[in-house]
């Protein structure tokens, strides 16, 4: 059972362009949850107040659980902030993609875990931004992602590996739909990270719109 990376990528892109909680990076995952959902975030230490047995979590990082008609993301606040942020967004991915609850160690569980990881990684380190920064001459390294996107070293390593193995031209139209909007929204961050040629993207964006208009006339 193959993970639906297209679904995870598209869902994450929609969130990136519609949220007001993410204007730059790093950002607060809890503020994003608060803005976008009715889900509450509570630490594992708060679990006892909800009469939740720690053994029910089944995760060392975070878990999305229903409690008296409310959805709660319980997370381990003993972990580093970078780990907490990724874990919370991982659980948000399960909710956003309407994943089904299932037992561990089966195909559906593994598939949904991979999709939730892809969702969290795209929100924390948007592929469009990283590729455009590369286009401007920035070397996307582990230290660069850790410092400027507030992620852990393992998450940064995995992201670099994933993007290096992805062929941008093979992405579907649905996956590319929000590229320009994401780049335009986070242009101040791009210019902050790479001040040189800061009007480069605006010119490219206008030129691409002009090309699109001409192509639509031809058809």
N, C-alpha and C. Protein backbone atom coordinates (compact mmCIF):
# COMPACT_ATOMS: atom_id res chain seq x y z
N UNK A 1 0.85 -1.19 0.00
CA UNK A 1 0.00 0.00 0.00
C UNK A 1 0.89 1.25 0.00
N UNK A 2 0.88 1.98 -1.11
CA UNK A 2 1.78 3.12 -1.26
C UNK A 2 1.22 4.38 -0.60
N UNK A 3 2.07 5.16 0.06
CA UNK A 3 1.62 6.44 0.64
C UNK A 3 1.16 7.40 -0.46
N UNK A 4 0.16 8.19 -0.16
CA UNK A 4 -0.36 9.19 -1.09
C UNK A 4 0.37 10.51 -0.84
N UNK A 5 1.56 10.63 -1.40
CA UNK A 5 2.37 11.83 -1.19
C UNK A 5 1.70 13.05 -1.81
N UNK A 6 0.99 12.84 -2.91
CA UNK A 6 0.29 13.95 -3.56
C UNK A 6 -0.74 14.56 -2.62
N UNK A 7 -1.49 13.72 -1.92
CA UNK A 7 -2.49 14.21 -0.97
C UNK A 7 -1.82 15.00 0.16
N UNK A 8 -0.76 14.45 0.73
CA UNK A 8 -0.07 15.12 1.83
C UNK A 8 0.50 16.45 1.39
N UNK A 9 1.10 16.48 0.21
CA UNK A 9 1.74 17.69 -0.31
C UNK A 9 0.69 18.76 -0.60
N UNK A 10 -0.40 18.36 -1.23
CA UNK A 10 -1.44 19.32 -1.59
C UNK A 10 -2.13 19.88 -0.35
N UNK A 11 -2.44 19.03 0.62
CA UNK A 11 -3.07 19.48 1.86
C UNK A 11 -2.16 20.46 2.59
N UNK A 12 -0.88 20.18 2.64
CA UNK A 12 0.07 21.07 3.30
C UNK A 12 0.16 22.41 2.57
N UNK A 13 0.15 22.37 1.24
CA UNK A 13 0.22 23.60 0.46
C UNK A 13 -0.99 24.49 0.69
N UNK A 14 -2.16 23.89 0.76
CA UNK A 14 -3.38 24.65 1.01
C UNK A 14 -3.28 25.36 2.36
N UNK A 15 -2.77 24.65 3.35
CA UNK A 15 -2.62 25.26 4.67
C UNK A 15 -1.62 26.41 4.61
N UNK A 16 -0.52 26.22 3.92
CA UNK A 16 0.52 27.25 3.85
C UNK A 16 0.01 28.56 3.25
N UNK A 17 -0.88 28.46 2.26
CA UNK A 17 -1.34 29.68 1.59
C UNK A 17 -2.53 30.31 2.29
N UNK A 18 -3.22 29.57 3.14
CA UNK A 18 -4.44 30.10 3.75
C UNK A 18 -4.26 30.52 5.21
N UNK A 19 -3.26 30.01 5.88
CA UNK A 19 -3.09 30.32 7.29
C UNK A 19 -2.51 31.71 7.52
N UNK A 20 -2.92 32.32 8.61
CA UNK A 20 -2.32 33.58 9.04
C UNK A 20 -1.33 33.34 10.18
N UNK A 21 -1.28 32.11 10.66
CA UNK A 21 -0.39 31.78 11.78
C UNK A 21 1.04 31.56 11.31
N UNK A 22 1.22 31.35 9.99
CA UNK A 22 2.56 31.17 9.45
C UNK A 22 2.86 32.34 8.51
N UNK A 23 3.69 33.24 8.98
CA UNK A 23 4.14 34.35 8.15
C UNK A 23 5.63 34.27 7.88
N UNK A 24 6.31 33.50 8.70
CA UNK A 24 7.74 33.30 8.55
C UNK A 24 8.07 31.96 9.19
N UNK A 25 9.36 31.66 9.23
CA UNK A 25 9.82 30.41 9.81
C UNK A 25 10.99 30.69 10.74
N UNK A 26 11.09 29.94 11.86
CA UNK A 26 10.13 28.96 12.38
C UNK A 26 8.87 29.64 12.92
N UNK A 27 7.86 28.85 13.21
CA UNK A 27 6.59 29.37 13.69
C UNK A 27 6.08 28.46 14.81
N UNK A 28 5.00 28.87 15.45
CA UNK A 28 4.44 28.10 16.56
C UNK A 28 3.39 27.11 16.03
N UNK A 29 3.66 25.83 16.19
CA UNK A 29 2.70 24.82 15.76
C UNK A 29 1.42 24.89 16.58
N UNK A 30 1.55 25.26 17.84
CA UNK A 30 0.36 25.35 18.70
C UNK A 30 -0.56 26.49 18.25
N UNK A 31 0.04 27.62 17.85
CA UNK A 31 -0.77 28.73 17.34
C UNK A 31 -1.47 28.34 16.05
N UNK A 32 -0.80 27.55 15.23
CA UNK A 32 -1.40 27.07 13.98
C UNK A 32 -2.60 26.17 14.28
N UNK A 33 -2.42 25.26 15.22
CA UNK A 33 -3.51 24.37 15.62
C UNK A 33 -4.69 25.18 16.14
N UNK A 34 -4.39 26.17 16.96
CA UNK A 34 -5.43 27.01 17.55
C UNK A 34 -6.20 27.78 16.49
N UNK A 35 -5.49 28.25 15.47
CA UNK A 35 -6.14 29.03 14.40
C UNK A 35 -6.99 28.15 13.49
N UNK A 36 -6.50 26.96 13.18
CA UNK A 36 -7.10 26.16 12.13
C UNK A 36 -8.13 25.13 12.60
N UNK A 37 -8.07 24.76 13.88
CA UNK A 37 -8.91 23.65 14.33
C UNK A 37 -9.50 23.92 15.71
N UNK A 38 -10.33 22.99 16.15
CA UNK A 38 -10.84 22.98 17.52
C UNK A 38 -10.04 22.02 18.39
N UNK A 39 -8.96 21.51 17.84
CA UNK A 39 -8.12 20.57 18.57
C UNK A 39 -7.34 21.31 19.66
N UNK A 40 -7.22 20.69 20.80
CA UNK A 40 -6.44 21.26 21.89
C UNK A 40 -5.09 20.55 21.98
N UNK A 41 -4.09 21.26 22.40
CA UNK A 41 -2.76 20.68 22.62
C UNK A 41 -2.48 20.64 24.11
N UNK A 42 -2.16 19.47 24.61
CA UNK A 42 -1.88 19.30 26.02
C UNK A 42 -0.66 18.39 26.18
N UNK A 43 0.16 18.69 27.16
CA UNK A 43 1.36 17.90 27.39
C UNK A 43 1.01 16.57 28.04
N UNK A 44 1.93 15.62 27.95
CA UNK A 44 1.72 14.33 28.60
C UNK A 44 1.51 14.50 30.10
N UNK A 45 2.17 15.50 30.67
CA UNK A 45 2.03 15.72 32.11
C UNK A 45 0.62 16.15 32.49
N UNK A 46 -0.08 16.76 31.51
CA UNK A 46 -1.47 17.17 31.76
C UNK A 46 -2.44 16.00 31.59
N UNK A 47 -1.94 14.89 31.09
CA UNK A 47 -2.81 13.75 30.79
C UNK A 47 -3.57 13.28 32.02
N UNK A 48 -2.92 13.29 33.17
CA UNK A 48 -3.57 12.81 34.38
C UNK A 48 -4.82 13.61 34.72
N UNK A 49 -4.81 14.92 34.37
CA UNK A 49 -5.97 15.76 34.64
C UNK A 49 -7.16 15.33 33.79
N UNK A 50 -6.86 14.67 32.65
CA UNK A 50 -7.92 14.17 31.77
C UNK A 50 -8.19 12.69 32.02
N UNK A 51 -7.56 12.16 33.08
CA UNK A 51 -7.73 10.75 33.43
C UNK A 51 -7.36 9.83 32.27
N UNK A 52 -6.32 10.21 31.57
CA UNK A 52 -5.82 9.40 30.45
C UNK A 52 -4.60 8.63 30.90
N UNK A 53 -4.63 7.34 30.69
CA UNK A 53 -3.51 6.49 31.05
C UNK A 53 -2.38 6.71 30.05
N UNK A 54 -1.19 6.97 30.54
CA UNK A 54 -0.05 7.21 29.65
C UNK A 54 0.18 6.03 28.71
N UNK A 55 -0.19 4.84 29.13
CA UNK A 55 0.03 3.67 28.28
C UNK A 55 -0.90 3.67 27.07
N UNK A 56 -1.90 4.53 27.08
CA UNK A 56 -2.84 4.59 25.95
C UNK A 56 -2.27 5.34 24.74
N UNK A 57 -1.21 6.09 24.97
CA UNK A 57 -0.72 6.92 23.87
C UNK A 57 -0.18 6.11 22.71
N UNK A 58 0.62 5.11 23.01
CA UNK A 58 1.19 4.31 21.94
C UNK A 58 2.23 5.06 21.14
N UNK A 59 2.68 6.19 21.66
CA UNK A 59 3.68 7.00 20.98
C UNK A 59 4.56 7.68 22.01
N UNK A 60 5.83 7.78 21.69
CA UNK A 60 6.75 8.47 22.58
C UNK A 60 6.78 9.97 22.29
N UNK A 61 6.09 10.41 21.27
CA UNK A 61 6.17 11.81 20.85
C UNK A 61 4.85 12.56 21.02
N UNK A 62 3.80 12.08 20.36
CA UNK A 62 2.50 12.76 20.42
C UNK A 62 1.41 11.80 19.97
N UNK A 63 0.19 12.13 20.34
CA UNK A 63 -0.95 11.29 19.95
C UNK A 63 -2.20 12.14 19.88
N UNK A 64 -3.00 11.92 18.85
CA UNK A 64 -4.29 12.60 18.68
C UNK A 64 -5.37 11.69 19.22
N UNK A 65 -6.10 12.18 20.22
CA UNK A 65 -7.10 11.33 20.87
C UNK A 65 -8.40 12.08 21.09
N UNK A 66 -9.49 11.33 21.06
CA UNK A 66 -10.78 11.90 21.38
C UNK A 66 -11.06 11.75 22.86
N UNK A 67 -11.58 12.82 23.46
CA UNK A 67 -11.88 12.76 24.89
C UNK A 67 -13.14 13.58 25.16
N UNK A 68 -14.22 12.91 25.53
CA UNK A 68 -15.50 13.55 25.83
C UNK A 68 -15.95 14.49 24.70
N UNK A 69 -15.85 14.00 23.47
CA UNK A 69 -16.30 14.76 22.32
C UNK A 69 -15.33 15.80 21.81
N UNK A 70 -14.15 15.88 22.41
CA UNK A 70 -13.14 16.84 21.98
C UNK A 70 -11.90 16.09 21.50
N UNK A 71 -11.21 16.69 20.54
CA UNK A 71 -9.97 16.11 20.05
C UNK A 71 -8.81 16.83 20.72
N UNK A 72 -7.87 16.04 21.19
CA UNK A 72 -6.71 16.58 21.90
C UNK A 72 -5.44 15.96 21.34
N UNK A 73 -4.44 16.80 21.09
CA UNK A 73 -3.11 16.30 20.76
C UNK A 73 -2.29 16.34 22.05
N UNK A 74 -2.01 15.17 22.59
CA UNK A 74 -1.13 15.06 23.74
C UNK A 74 0.30 14.93 23.21
N UNK A 75 1.23 15.65 23.80
CA UNK A 75 2.62 15.61 23.33
C UNK A 75 3.56 15.54 24.52
N UNK A 76 4.72 14.99 24.27
CA UNK A 76 5.73 14.83 25.31
C UNK A 76 6.55 16.11 25.41
N UNK A 77 6.27 16.92 26.44
CA UNK A 77 6.97 18.19 26.57
C UNK A 77 8.38 18.04 27.14
N UNK A 78 8.81 16.80 27.37
CA UNK A 78 10.20 16.57 27.77
C UNK A 78 11.12 16.54 26.54
N UNK A 79 10.51 16.43 25.37
CA UNK A 79 11.27 16.42 24.13
C UNK A 79 11.70 17.85 23.75
N UNK A 80 12.71 18.00 22.89
CA UNK A 80 13.10 19.33 22.40
C UNK A 80 11.94 20.00 21.64
N UNK A 81 11.95 21.33 21.60
CA UNK A 81 10.89 22.07 20.91
C UNK A 81 10.77 21.66 19.45
N UNK A 82 11.90 21.44 18.79
CA UNK A 82 11.86 21.03 17.38
C UNK A 82 11.11 19.71 17.21
N UNK A 83 11.33 18.80 18.14
CA UNK A 83 10.66 17.50 18.09
C UNK A 83 9.16 17.66 18.36
N UNK A 84 8.83 18.51 19.32
CA UNK A 84 7.42 18.75 19.66
C UNK A 84 6.67 19.34 18.47
N UNK A 85 7.26 20.34 17.82
CA UNK A 85 6.61 20.99 16.69
C UNK A 85 6.32 19.99 15.57
N UNK A 86 7.32 19.17 15.25
CA UNK A 86 7.11 18.19 14.18
C UNK A 86 6.03 17.19 14.58
N UNK A 87 6.06 16.75 15.83
CA UNK A 87 5.09 15.75 16.29
C UNK A 87 3.67 16.29 16.26
N UNK A 88 3.50 17.54 16.67
CA UNK A 88 2.17 18.15 16.66
C UNK A 88 1.65 18.28 15.23
N UNK A 89 2.51 18.70 14.31
CA UNK A 89 2.08 18.83 12.91
C UNK A 89 1.84 17.47 12.27
N UNK A 90 2.58 16.48 12.71
CA UNK A 90 2.33 15.10 12.26
C UNK A 90 0.90 14.68 12.63
N UNK A 91 0.50 14.98 13.85
CA UNK A 91 -0.86 14.64 14.28
C UNK A 91 -1.91 15.47 13.56
N UNK A 92 -1.58 16.74 13.29
CA UNK A 92 -2.49 17.57 12.50
C UNK A 92 -2.68 16.97 11.11
N UNK A 93 -1.61 16.42 10.56
CA UNK A 93 -1.70 15.77 9.26
C UNK A 93 -2.68 14.61 9.26
N UNK A 94 -2.65 13.82 10.32
CA UNK A 94 -3.62 12.72 10.43
C UNK A 94 -5.05 13.27 10.38
N UNK A 95 -5.28 14.37 11.10
CA UNK A 95 -6.62 14.97 11.13
C UNK A 95 -6.99 15.57 9.79
N UNK A 96 -6.08 16.33 9.19
CA UNK A 96 -6.36 17.04 7.94
C UNK A 96 -6.61 16.06 6.79
N UNK A 97 -5.91 14.93 6.81
CA UNK A 97 -6.08 13.94 5.75
C UNK A 97 -7.12 12.89 6.10
N UNK A 98 -7.80 13.09 7.24
CA UNK A 98 -8.88 12.21 7.67
C UNK A 98 -8.44 10.75 7.73
N UNK A 99 -7.28 10.54 8.33
CA UNK A 99 -6.79 9.18 8.48
C UNK A 99 -7.65 8.38 9.45
N UNK A 100 -7.68 7.09 9.23
CA UNK A 100 -8.46 6.19 10.07
C UNK A 100 -7.59 5.63 11.19
N UNK A 101 -8.20 5.46 12.36
CA UNK A 101 -7.50 4.81 13.45
C UNK A 101 -7.32 3.34 13.11
N UNK A 102 -6.11 2.85 13.35
CA UNK A 102 -5.86 1.44 13.08
C UNK A 102 -4.72 0.94 13.95
N UNK A 103 -4.60 -0.34 14.04
CA UNK A 103 -3.54 -0.94 14.84
C UNK A 103 -2.19 -0.72 14.19
N UNK A 104 -1.16 -0.71 15.02
CA UNK A 104 0.19 -0.57 14.50
C UNK A 104 0.59 -1.83 13.73
N UNK A 105 1.66 -1.64 12.96
CA UNK A 105 2.28 -2.76 12.25
C UNK A 105 1.36 -3.40 11.21
N UNK A 106 0.58 -2.59 10.54
CA UNK A 106 -0.12 -3.07 9.36
C UNK A 106 0.07 -2.05 8.25
N UNK A 107 -0.31 -2.40 7.05
CA UNK A 107 -0.02 -1.58 5.88
C UNK A 107 -0.65 -0.19 5.97
N UNK A 108 -1.89 -0.12 6.40
CA UNK A 108 -2.57 1.17 6.47
C UNK A 108 -1.90 2.08 7.50
N UNK A 109 -1.55 1.52 8.65
CA UNK A 109 -0.89 2.32 9.68
C UNK A 109 0.42 2.89 9.15
N UNK A 110 1.23 2.05 8.53
CA UNK A 110 2.52 2.51 8.00
C UNK A 110 2.33 3.56 6.93
N UNK A 111 1.35 3.35 6.05
CA UNK A 111 1.06 4.31 4.98
C UNK A 111 0.69 5.67 5.56
N UNK A 112 -0.18 5.68 6.55
CA UNK A 112 -0.64 6.94 7.13
C UNK A 112 0.46 7.64 7.90
N UNK A 113 1.35 6.90 8.52
CA UNK A 113 2.47 7.50 9.24
C UNK A 113 3.41 8.22 8.27
N UNK A 114 3.67 7.60 7.14
CA UNK A 114 4.54 8.23 6.13
C UNK A 114 3.89 9.49 5.58
N UNK A 115 2.59 9.43 5.32
CA UNK A 115 1.88 10.60 4.80
C UNK A 115 1.89 11.75 5.81
N UNK A 116 1.69 11.44 7.09
CA UNK A 116 1.69 12.48 8.12
C UNK A 116 3.07 13.11 8.26
N UNK A 117 4.12 12.30 8.11
CA UNK A 117 5.49 12.85 8.15
C UNK A 117 5.74 13.78 6.97
N UNK A 118 5.27 13.37 5.79
CA UNK A 118 5.45 14.21 4.59
C UNK A 118 4.70 15.53 4.74
N UNK A 119 3.53 15.47 5.30
CA UNK A 119 2.70 16.66 5.55
C UNK A 119 3.43 17.63 6.48
N UNK A 120 3.92 17.11 7.60
CA UNK A 120 4.62 17.96 8.58
C UNK A 120 5.89 18.56 7.98
N UNK A 121 6.63 17.77 7.23
CA UNK A 121 7.88 18.25 6.63
C UNK A 121 7.61 19.38 5.62
N UNK A 122 6.55 19.26 4.82
CA UNK A 122 6.24 20.29 3.84
C UNK A 122 5.82 21.60 4.51
N UNK A 123 5.13 21.51 5.64
CA UNK A 123 4.72 22.73 6.34
C UNK A 123 5.90 23.40 7.02
N UNK A 124 6.77 22.59 7.62
CA UNK A 124 7.92 23.15 8.34
C UNK A 124 9.01 23.64 7.40
N UNK A 125 9.17 22.95 6.27
CA UNK A 125 10.24 23.28 5.31
C UNK A 125 9.67 23.19 3.90
N UNK A 126 8.87 24.17 3.48
CA UNK A 126 8.21 24.09 2.17
C UNK A 126 9.19 23.87 1.02
N UNK A 127 8.90 22.88 0.22
CA UNK A 127 9.79 22.55 -0.90
C UNK A 127 9.97 23.74 -1.84
N UNK A 128 8.89 24.49 -2.08
CA UNK A 128 8.99 25.62 -3.01
C UNK A 128 10.03 26.64 -2.55
N UNK A 129 10.05 26.92 -1.26
CA UNK A 129 11.01 27.89 -0.73
C UNK A 129 12.43 27.36 -0.84
N UNK A 130 12.62 26.10 -0.50
CA UNK A 130 13.97 25.54 -0.53
C UNK A 130 14.52 25.50 -1.95
N UNK A 131 13.68 25.12 -2.90
CA UNK A 131 14.14 25.07 -4.29
C UNK A 131 14.45 26.47 -4.82
N UNK A 132 13.63 27.44 -4.43
CA UNK A 132 13.90 28.78 -4.93
C UNK A 132 15.14 29.38 -4.29
N UNK A 133 15.37 29.09 -3.03
CA UNK A 133 16.60 29.54 -2.37
C UNK A 133 17.81 28.89 -3.03
N UNK A 134 17.69 27.64 -3.43
CA UNK A 134 18.76 26.99 -4.18
C UNK A 134 19.00 27.71 -5.49
N UNK A 135 17.90 28.10 -6.13
CA UNK A 135 17.98 28.83 -7.39
C UNK A 135 18.75 30.14 -7.23
N UNK A 136 18.64 30.73 -6.07
CA UNK A 136 19.36 31.98 -5.77
C UNK A 136 20.79 31.76 -5.32
N UNK A 137 21.16 30.51 -5.18
CA UNK A 137 22.54 30.21 -4.82
C UNK A 137 22.77 29.79 -3.39
N UNK A 138 21.70 29.61 -2.62
CA UNK A 138 21.84 29.18 -1.23
C UNK A 138 22.05 27.67 -1.18
N UNK A 139 22.99 27.25 -0.38
CA UNK A 139 23.21 25.81 -0.18
C UNK A 139 22.29 25.34 0.93
N UNK A 140 21.37 24.45 0.59
CA UNK A 140 20.42 23.94 1.56
C UNK A 140 21.09 22.79 2.33
N UNK A 141 21.66 23.13 3.47
CA UNK A 141 22.37 22.17 4.29
C UNK A 141 21.60 21.91 5.57
N UNK A 142 22.03 20.92 6.32
CA UNK A 142 21.39 20.62 7.61
C UNK A 142 21.50 21.82 8.55
N UNK A 143 22.69 22.42 8.72
CA UNK A 143 22.78 23.59 9.61
C UNK A 143 21.89 24.75 9.16
N UNK A 144 21.76 24.93 7.84
CA UNK A 144 20.92 26.01 7.31
C UNK A 144 19.46 25.80 7.71
N UNK A 145 18.96 24.59 7.55
CA UNK A 145 17.56 24.30 7.89
C UNK A 145 17.34 24.38 9.40
N UNK A 146 18.28 23.87 10.16
CA UNK A 146 18.16 23.92 11.62
C UNK A 146 18.09 25.35 12.11
N UNK A 147 18.96 26.20 11.58
CA UNK A 147 19.03 27.59 12.04
C UNK A 147 17.85 28.43 11.56
N UNK A 148 17.46 28.27 10.31
CA UNK A 148 16.48 29.18 9.72
C UNK A 148 15.04 28.66 9.70
N UNK A 149 14.86 27.36 9.87
CA UNK A 149 13.51 26.81 9.85
C UNK A 149 13.14 26.14 11.18
N UNK A 150 14.08 26.15 12.12
CA UNK A 150 13.77 25.66 13.46
C UNK A 150 13.40 24.20 13.53
N UNK A 151 14.11 23.36 12.80
CA UNK A 151 13.83 21.92 12.81
C UNK A 151 15.01 21.17 13.41
N UNK A 152 14.80 19.91 13.70
CA UNK A 152 15.87 19.08 14.25
C UNK A 152 16.81 18.63 13.14
N UNK A 153 18.00 18.19 13.52
CA UNK A 153 18.94 17.70 12.52
C UNK A 153 18.42 16.48 11.76
N UNK A 154 17.80 15.50 12.45
CA UNK A 154 17.25 14.36 11.70
C UNK A 154 16.17 14.77 10.69
N UNK A 155 15.30 15.73 11.09
CA UNK A 155 14.25 16.19 10.17
C UNK A 155 14.87 16.90 8.98
N UNK A 156 15.91 17.70 9.22
CA UNK A 156 16.59 18.41 8.14
C UNK A 156 17.27 17.43 7.19
N UNK A 157 17.92 16.42 7.73
CA UNK A 157 18.59 15.41 6.90
C UNK A 157 17.59 14.68 6.02
N UNK A 158 16.47 14.30 6.62
CA UNK A 158 15.44 13.59 5.86
C UNK A 158 14.86 14.47 4.77
N UNK A 159 14.66 15.76 5.07
CA UNK A 159 14.08 16.67 4.08
C UNK A 159 15.01 16.85 2.89
N UNK A 160 16.28 17.02 3.14
CA UNK A 160 17.25 17.18 2.06
C UNK A 160 17.28 15.93 1.19
N UNK A 161 17.25 14.77 1.82
CA UNK A 161 17.26 13.52 1.07
C UNK A 161 16.01 13.37 0.22
N UNK A 162 14.86 13.71 0.80
CA UNK A 162 13.60 13.59 0.08
C UNK A 162 13.56 14.48 -1.15
N UNK A 163 13.95 15.76 -0.97
CA UNK A 163 13.91 16.70 -2.09
C UNK A 163 14.92 16.33 -3.17
N UNK A 164 16.08 15.83 -2.76
CA UNK A 164 17.10 15.45 -3.75
C UNK A 164 16.63 14.26 -4.59
N UNK A 165 15.72 13.46 -4.03
CA UNK A 165 15.21 12.30 -4.76
C UNK A 165 13.90 12.59 -5.49
N UNK A 166 13.46 13.84 -5.44
CA UNK A 166 12.20 14.23 -6.08
C UNK A 166 12.48 15.02 -7.35
N UNK A 167 11.83 14.64 -8.43
CA UNK A 167 11.97 15.36 -9.70
C UNK A 167 10.86 16.39 -9.77
N UNK A 168 11.24 17.66 -9.71
CA UNK A 168 10.24 18.74 -9.65
C UNK A 168 9.31 18.72 -10.86
N UNK A 169 9.86 18.43 -12.02
CA UNK A 169 9.07 18.48 -13.25
C UNK A 169 8.00 17.39 -13.29
N UNK A 170 8.14 16.38 -12.46
CA UNK A 170 7.18 15.27 -12.49
C UNK A 170 5.98 15.52 -11.58
N UNK A 171 6.00 16.60 -10.84
CA UNK A 171 4.86 16.88 -9.96
C UNK A 171 3.62 17.18 -10.79
N UNK A 172 2.48 16.80 -10.27
CA UNK A 172 1.21 16.99 -10.99
C UNK A 172 0.79 18.46 -10.97
N UNK A 173 -0.21 18.77 -11.79
CA UNK A 173 -0.73 20.14 -11.83
C UNK A 173 -1.29 20.55 -10.48
N UNK A 174 -1.96 19.61 -9.80
CA UNK A 174 -2.52 19.92 -8.48
C UNK A 174 -1.42 20.24 -7.48
N UNK A 175 -0.30 19.54 -7.58
CA UNK A 175 0.82 19.79 -6.67
C UNK A 175 1.49 21.13 -6.95
N UNK A 176 1.47 21.57 -8.20
CA UNK A 176 2.11 22.83 -8.58
C UNK A 176 1.18 24.04 -8.43
N UNK A 177 -0.08 23.77 -8.15
CA UNK A 177 -1.10 24.83 -8.18
C UNK A 177 -0.77 26.01 -7.27
N UNK A 178 -0.18 25.75 -6.12
CA UNK A 178 0.04 26.80 -5.14
C UNK A 178 1.48 27.32 -5.11
N UNK A 179 2.31 26.88 -6.05
CA UNK A 179 3.73 27.26 -6.02
C UNK A 179 3.93 28.77 -6.01
N UNK A 180 3.32 29.45 -6.97
CA UNK A 180 3.51 30.91 -7.09
C UNK A 180 2.97 31.65 -5.87
N UNK A 181 1.83 31.18 -5.36
CA UNK A 181 1.22 31.85 -4.21
C UNK A 181 2.11 31.70 -2.98
N UNK A 182 2.68 30.51 -2.80
CA UNK A 182 3.57 30.27 -1.66
C UNK A 182 4.82 31.13 -1.76
N UNK A 183 5.40 31.19 -2.94
CA UNK A 183 6.61 32.00 -3.12
C UNK A 183 6.32 33.48 -2.90
N UNK A 184 5.18 33.93 -3.39
CA UNK A 184 4.82 35.34 -3.22
C UNK A 184 4.56 35.66 -1.75
N UNK A 185 3.87 34.77 -1.05
CA UNK A 185 3.54 35.01 0.35
C UNK A 185 4.79 35.09 1.22
N UNK A 186 5.74 34.21 0.95
CA UNK A 186 6.93 34.14 1.80
C UNK A 186 8.14 34.80 1.17
N UNK A 187 7.89 35.69 0.22
CA UNK A 187 8.99 36.43 -0.42
C UNK A 187 9.82 37.23 0.57
N UNK A 188 9.22 37.88 1.60
CA UNK A 188 10.05 38.60 2.58
C UNK A 188 11.07 37.68 3.26
N UNK A 189 10.68 36.45 3.54
CA UNK A 189 11.63 35.50 4.14
C UNK A 189 12.74 35.16 3.16
N UNK A 190 12.38 34.94 1.90
CA UNK A 190 13.37 34.63 0.89
C UNK A 190 14.39 35.76 0.78
N UNK A 191 13.89 36.99 0.75
CA UNK A 191 14.79 38.15 0.65
C UNK A 191 15.64 38.32 1.90
N UNK A 192 15.09 37.93 3.04
CA UNK A 192 15.87 38.01 4.29
C UNK A 192 17.00 36.99 4.28
N UNK A 193 16.70 35.79 3.82
CA UNK A 193 17.71 34.74 3.81
C UNK A 193 18.71 34.92 2.68
N UNK A 194 18.28 35.56 1.60
CA UNK A 194 19.17 35.79 0.46
C UNK A 194 18.89 37.17 -0.10
N UNK A 195 19.45 38.23 0.53
CA UNK A 195 19.17 39.62 0.14
C UNK A 195 19.56 39.96 -1.29
N UNK A 196 20.58 39.28 -1.82
CA UNK A 196 21.03 39.62 -3.16
C UNK A 196 19.96 39.29 -4.19
N UNK A 197 19.88 40.12 -5.21
CA UNK A 197 18.91 39.93 -6.29
C UNK A 197 17.48 39.81 -5.76
N UNK A 198 17.13 40.67 -4.79
CA UNK A 198 15.85 40.49 -4.13
C UNK A 198 14.64 40.79 -5.01
N UNK A 199 14.87 41.41 -6.16
CA UNK A 199 13.74 41.66 -7.05
C UNK A 199 13.66 40.60 -8.14
N UNK A 200 14.53 39.62 -8.04
CA UNK A 200 14.59 38.57 -9.04
C UNK A 200 13.26 37.83 -9.16
N UNK A 201 12.67 37.43 -8.03
CA UNK A 201 11.44 36.65 -8.08
C UNK A 201 10.27 37.46 -8.59
N UNK A 202 10.17 38.73 -8.16
CA UNK A 202 9.05 39.54 -8.64
C UNK A 202 9.06 39.62 -10.16
N UNK A 203 10.24 39.79 -10.74
CA UNK A 203 10.34 39.87 -12.19
C UNK A 203 9.97 38.54 -12.83
N UNK A 204 10.47 37.44 -12.25
CA UNK A 204 10.14 36.12 -12.79
C UNK A 204 8.64 35.85 -12.70
N UNK A 205 8.06 36.24 -11.56
CA UNK A 205 6.63 36.00 -11.34
C UNK A 205 5.80 36.74 -12.38
N UNK A 206 6.13 38.00 -12.64
CA UNK A 206 5.40 38.79 -13.63
C UNK A 206 5.60 38.23 -15.04
N UNK A 207 6.82 37.78 -15.33
CA UNK A 207 7.10 37.20 -16.64
C UNK A 207 6.32 35.91 -16.84
N UNK A 208 6.22 35.08 -15.78
CA UNK A 208 5.49 33.83 -15.89
C UNK A 208 4.00 34.08 -16.11
N UNK A 209 3.47 35.07 -15.42
CA UNK A 209 2.05 35.41 -15.62
C UNK A 209 1.81 35.85 -17.05
N UNK A 210 2.75 36.60 -17.60
CA UNK A 210 2.61 37.05 -18.99
C UNK A 210 2.67 35.85 -19.94
N UNK A 211 3.58 34.90 -19.66
CA UNK A 211 3.66 33.70 -20.49
C UNK A 211 2.37 32.90 -20.42
N UNK A 212 1.82 32.79 -19.19
CA UNK A 212 0.57 32.06 -19.02
C UNK A 212 -0.57 32.69 -19.82
N UNK A 213 -0.60 34.04 -19.84
CA UNK A 213 -1.64 34.73 -20.60
C UNK A 213 -1.51 34.44 -22.10
N UNK A 214 -0.27 34.45 -22.59
CA UNK A 214 -0.05 34.18 -24.01
C UNK A 214 -0.42 32.74 -24.36
N UNK A 215 -0.07 31.81 -23.46
CA UNK A 215 -0.38 30.41 -23.71
C UNK A 215 -1.90 30.18 -23.74
N UNK A 216 -2.62 30.89 -22.84
CA UNK A 216 -4.08 30.74 -22.81
C UNK A 216 -4.71 31.28 -24.10
N UNK A 217 -4.11 32.33 -24.65
CA UNK A 217 -4.63 32.89 -25.91
C UNK A 217 -4.42 31.91 -27.06
N UNK A 218 -3.29 31.21 -27.02
CA UNK A 218 -2.98 30.28 -28.11
C UNK A 218 -3.98 29.14 -28.14
N UNK A 219 -4.46 28.73 -26.95
CA UNK A 219 -5.39 27.61 -26.90
C UNK A 219 -6.84 28.06 -26.94
